[in-house]
């Protein structure tokens, strides 16, 4: 599989059009099309941008060796999920809910915030017990 075919695989895995994929990388749909078809090679800058933006293994994108996606820590995975929700802004129904949770939490006294933290920890522990 060529680098261009691997770029296409990343784009398809992320369920993105060439235009949306290119927008996230700061290039046109035509540029992505040319890379995927092998008319243009990946520049070092573009290769690194794809790896950074889409959590892709640089080794895999360069050579096809290993796994496509990098493993994220639990904190990185959570941050990535929240970022996806917030990136869509008001188009995502969870945006308003998350915003109100954060606003409400920030209005609480420090003592009440500690109670909420304790409650959240206990809730997570109980959920893990059920698994």
C-alpha atoms as a PDB file:
ATOM      1  CA  UNK A   1       0.000   0.000   0.000  1.00  0.00           C
ATOM      2  CA  UNK A   2       1.356   3.441  -0.921  1.00  0.00           C
ATOM      3  CA  UNK A   3       1.502   6.465   1.364  1.00  0.00           C
ATOM      4  CA  UNK A   4      -1.349   7.980  -0.626  1.00  0.00           C
ATOM      5  CA  UNK A   5      -3.464   4.879  -0.078  1.00  0.00           C
ATOM      6  CA  UNK A   6      -2.677   5.051   3.639  1.00  0.00           C
ATOM      7  CA  UNK A   7      -3.751   8.719   3.698  1.00  0.00           C
ATOM      8  CA  UNK A   8      -7.025   7.666   2.088  1.00  0.00           C
ATOM      9  CA  UNK A   9      -7.406   4.917   4.687  1.00  0.00           C
ATOM     10  CA  UNK A  10      -6.975   7.462   7.488  1.00  0.00           C
ATOM     11  CA  UNK A  11      -9.527   9.769   5.894  1.00  0.00           C
ATOM     12  CA  UNK A  12     -12.046   6.971   5.409  1.00  0.00           C
ATOM     13  CA  UNK A  13     -11.433   5.680   8.965  1.00  0.00           C
ATOM     14  CA  UNK A  14     -12.217   9.179  10.250  1.00  0.00           C
ATOM     15  CA  UNK A  15     -15.299   9.234   7.996  1.00  0.00           C
ATOM     16  CA  UNK A  16     -14.309  12.517   6.374  1.00  0.00           C
ATOM     17  CA  UNK A  17     -14.663  13.942   2.909  1.00  0.00           C
ATOM     18  CA  UNK A  18     -11.532  15.094   1.092  1.00  0.00           C
ATOM     19  CA  UNK A  19     -12.667  18.661   1.656  1.00  0.00           C
ATOM     20  CA  UNK A  20     -13.163  18.296   5.412  1.00  0.00           C
ATOM     21  CA  UNK A  21      -9.911  16.327   5.782  1.00  0.00           C
ATOM     22  CA  UNK A  22      -8.034  18.995   3.817  1.00  0.00           C
ATOM     23  CA  UNK A  23      -9.641  21.829   5.797  1.00  0.00           C
ATOM     24  CA  UNK A  24      -8.353  20.322   9.024  1.00  0.00           C
ATOM     25  CA  UNK A  25      -4.860  20.192   7.513  1.00  0.00           C
ATOM     26  CA  UNK A  26      -5.034  23.620   5.885  1.00  0.00           C
ATOM     27  CA  UNK A  27      -5.025  22.371   2.274  1.00  0.00           C
ATOM     28  CA  UNK A  28      -7.584  21.999  -0.507  1.00  0.00           C
ATOM     29  CA  UNK A  29      -9.607  18.981  -1.524  1.00  0.00           C
ATOM     30  CA  UNK A  30      -7.532  18.855  -4.698  1.00  0.00           C
ATOM     31  CA  UNK A  31      -4.315  18.579  -2.684  1.00  0.00           C
ATOM     32  CA  UNK A  32      -5.736  15.597  -0.772  1.00  0.00           C
ATOM     33  CA  UNK A  33      -6.946  14.005  -3.998  1.00  0.00           C
ATOM     34  CA  UNK A  34      -3.494  14.379  -5.571  1.00  0.00           C
ATOM     35  CA  UNK A  35      -1.840  12.772  -2.540  1.00  0.00           C
ATOM     36  CA  UNK A  36      -4.309   9.880  -2.411  1.00  0.00           C
ATOM     37  CA  UNK A  37      -3.931   9.179  -6.148  1.00  0.00           C
ATOM     38  CA  UNK A  38      -0.155   9.333  -5.929  1.00  0.00           C
ATOM     39  CA  UNK A  39       0.198  12.374  -8.172  1.00  0.00           C
ATOM     40  CA  UNK A  40       1.916  14.205  -5.307  1.00  0.00           C
ATOM     41  CA  UNK A  41       4.027  12.775  -2.539  1.00  0.00           C
ATOM     42  CA  UNK A  42       3.587  13.585   1.120  1.00  0.00           C
ATOM     43  CA  UNK A  43       5.775  16.416   2.294  1.00  0.00           C
ATOM     44  CA  UNK A  44       7.416  16.053   5.686  1.00  0.00           C
ATOM     45  CA  UNK A  45       5.185  18.839   7.000  1.00  0.00           C
ATOM     46  CA  UNK A  46       1.993  17.205   5.687  1.00  0.00           C
ATOM     47  CA  UNK A  47       2.995  13.785   7.031  1.00  0.00           C
ATOM     48  CA  UNK A  48       3.551  15.211  10.507  1.00  0.00           C
ATOM     49  CA  UNK A  49       0.334  17.230  10.365  1.00  0.00           C
ATOM     50  CA  UNK A  50      -1.702  14.108   9.514  1.00  0.00           C
ATOM     51  CA  UNK A  51      -0.071  12.199  12.362  1.00  0.00           C
ATOM     52  CA  UNK A  52      -0.707  15.020  14.833  1.00  0.00           C
ATOM     53  CA  UNK A  53      -4.242  15.911  13.770  1.00  0.00           C
ATOM     54  CA  UNK A  54      -5.549  12.368  13.382  1.00  0.00           C
ATOM     55  CA  UNK A  55      -3.486  10.477  15.991  1.00  0.00           C
ATOM     56  CA  UNK A  56      -1.748   8.366  13.356  1.00  0.00           C
ATOM     57  CA  UNK A  57       1.511   6.483  13.843  1.00  0.00           C
ATOM     58  CA  UNK A  58       4.269   8.158  11.849  1.00  0.00           C
ATOM     59  CA  UNK A  59       5.935   4.779  11.200  1.00  0.00           C
ATOM     60  CA  UNK A  60       2.676   3.356   9.809  1.00  0.00           C
ATOM     61  CA  UNK A  61       2.059   6.357   7.556  1.00  0.00           C
ATOM     62  CA  UNK A  62       5.628   6.288   6.231  1.00  0.00           C
ATOM     63  CA  UNK A  63       6.085   2.530   5.760  1.00  0.00           C
ATOM     64  CA  UNK A  64       2.848   0.686   6.514  1.00  0.00           C
ATOM     65  CA  UNK A  65       4.532  -1.054   9.472  1.00  0.00           C
ATOM     66  CA  UNK A  66       2.658  -1.381  12.755  1.00  0.00           C
ATOM     67  CA  UNK A  67      -0.764  -0.024  13.681  1.00  0.00           C
ATOM     68  CA  UNK A  68      -2.424   2.994  12.089  1.00  0.00           C
ATOM     69  CA  UNK A  69      -3.607   4.623  15.332  1.00  0.00           C
ATOM     70  CA  UNK A  70      -1.471   5.590  18.267  1.00  0.00           C
ATOM     71  CA  UNK A  71      -2.583   4.394  21.682  1.00  0.00           C
ATOM     72  CA  UNK A  72      -3.859   7.216  23.870  1.00  0.00           C
ATOM     73  CA  UNK A  73      -3.778   7.383  27.635  1.00  0.00           C
ATOM     74  CA  UNK A  74      -7.186   7.450  29.316  1.00  0.00           C
ATOM     75  CA  UNK A  75      -6.831  11.201  29.961  1.00  0.00           C
ATOM     76  CA  UNK A  76      -5.863  11.857  26.325  1.00  0.00           C
ATOM     77  CA  UNK A  77      -8.818   9.786  25.118  1.00  0.00           C
ATOM     78  CA  UNK A  78     -11.238  11.741  27.321  1.00  0.00           C
ATOM     79  CA  UNK A  79      -9.749  15.066  26.234  1.00  0.00           C
ATOM     80  CA  UNK A  80     -10.070  13.977  22.586  1.00  0.00           C
ATOM     81  CA  UNK A  81     -13.742  13.053  23.052  1.00  0.00           C
ATOM     82  CA  UNK A  82     -14.583  16.320  24.801  1.00  0.00           C
ATOM     83  CA  UNK A  83     -12.675  18.249  22.145  1.00  0.00           C
ATOM     84  CA  UNK A  84     -14.728  16.560  19.404  1.00  0.00           C
ATOM     85  CA  UNK A  85     -17.988  17.525  21.128  1.00  0.00           C
ATOM     86  CA  UNK A  86     -16.895  21.109  21.712  1.00  0.00           C
ATOM     87  CA  UNK A  87     -15.443  21.479  18.203  1.00  0.00           C
ATOM     88  CA  UNK A  88     -18.913  20.999  16.726  1.00  0.00           C
ATOM     89  CA  UNK A  89     -20.167  23.737  19.039  1.00  0.00           C
ATOM     90  CA  UNK A  90     -23.865  24.350  19.115  1.00  0.00           C
ATOM     91  CA  UNK A  91     -24.419  21.807  16.345  1.00  0.00           C
ATOM     92  CA  UNK A  92     -23.762  19.054  18.881  1.00  0.00           C
ATOM     93  CA  UNK A  93     -26.636  18.434  21.343  1.00  0.00           C
ATOM     94  CA  UNK A  94     -24.175  17.618  24.145  1.00  0.00           C
ATOM     95  CA  UNK A  95     -22.524  21.023  23.863  1.00  0.00           C
ATOM     96  CA  UNK A  96     -25.204  22.818  25.883  1.00  0.00           C
ATOM     97  CA  UNK A  97     -25.301  20.094  28.509  1.00  0.00           C
ATOM     98  CA  UNK A  98     -21.516  20.134  29.005  1.00  0.00           C
ATOM     99  CA  UNK A  99     -21.501  23.930  29.099  1.00  0.00           C
ATOM    100  CA  UNK A 100     -24.210  24.027  31.793  1.00  0.00           C
ATOM    101  CA  UNK A 101     -22.477  21.352  33.882  1.00  0.00           C
ATOM    102  CA  UNK A 102     -19.238  23.378  33.840  1.00  0.00           C
ATOM    103  CA  UNK A 103     -21.034  26.660  34.559  1.00  0.00           C
ATOM    104  CA  UNK A 104     -22.985  25.146  37.447  1.00  0.00           C
ATOM    105  CA  UNK A 105     -19.861  23.503  38.898  1.00  0.00           C
ATOM    106  CA  UNK A 106     -18.012  26.830  38.774  1.00  0.00           C
ATOM    107  CA  UNK A 107     -20.861  28.541  40.667  1.00  0.00           C
ATOM    108  CA  UNK A 108     -20.523  26.114  43.597  1.00  0.00           C
ATOM    109  CA  UNK A 109     -18.541  26.919  46.709  1.00  0.00           C
ATOM    110  CA  UNK A 110     -15.163  25.173  47.055  1.00  0.00           C
ATOM    111  CA  UNK A 111     -16.677  22.860  49.694  1.00  0.00           C
ATOM    112  CA  UNK A 112     -19.539  21.919  47.369  1.00  0.00           C
ATOM    113  CA  UNK A 113     -17.075  21.317  44.521  1.00  0.00           C
ATOM    114  CA  UNK A 114     -15.232  18.842  46.784  1.00  0.00           C
ATOM    115  CA  UNK A 115     -18.514  17.046  47.503  1.00  0.00           C
ATOM    116  CA  UNK A 116     -19.164  16.797  43.753  1.00  0.00           C
ATOM    117  CA  UNK A 117     -15.654  15.424  43.182  1.00  0.00           C
ATOM    118  CA  UNK A 118     -16.169  12.816  45.912  1.00  0.00           C
ATOM    119  CA  UNK A 119     -19.566  11.909  44.452  1.00  0.00           C
ATOM    120  CA  UNK A 120     -18.062  11.551  40.958  1.00  0.00           C
ATOM    121  CA  UNK A 121     -15.235   9.312  42.211  1.00  0.00           C
ATOM    122  CA  UNK A 122     -17.712   7.077  44.035  1.00  0.00           C
ATOM    123  CA  UNK A 123     -19.962   6.928  40.965  1.00  0.00           C
ATOM    124  CA  UNK A 124     -17.037   5.859  38.752  1.00  0.00           C
ATOM    125  CA  UNK A 125     -16.011   3.204  41.289  1.00  0.00           C
ATOM    126  CA  UNK A 126     -19.545   1.794  41.375  1.00  0.00           C
ATOM    127  CA  UNK A 127     -19.775   1.750  37.574  1.00  0.00           C
ATOM    128  CA  UNK A 128     -16.448  -0.117  37.391  1.00  0.00           C
ATOM    129  CA  UNK A 129     -17.732  -2.687  39.902  1.00  0.00           C
ATOM    130  CA  UNK A 130     -20.672  -3.451  37.598  1.00  0.00           C
ATOM    131  CA  UNK A 131     -18.333  -4.176  34.680  1.00  0.00           C
END
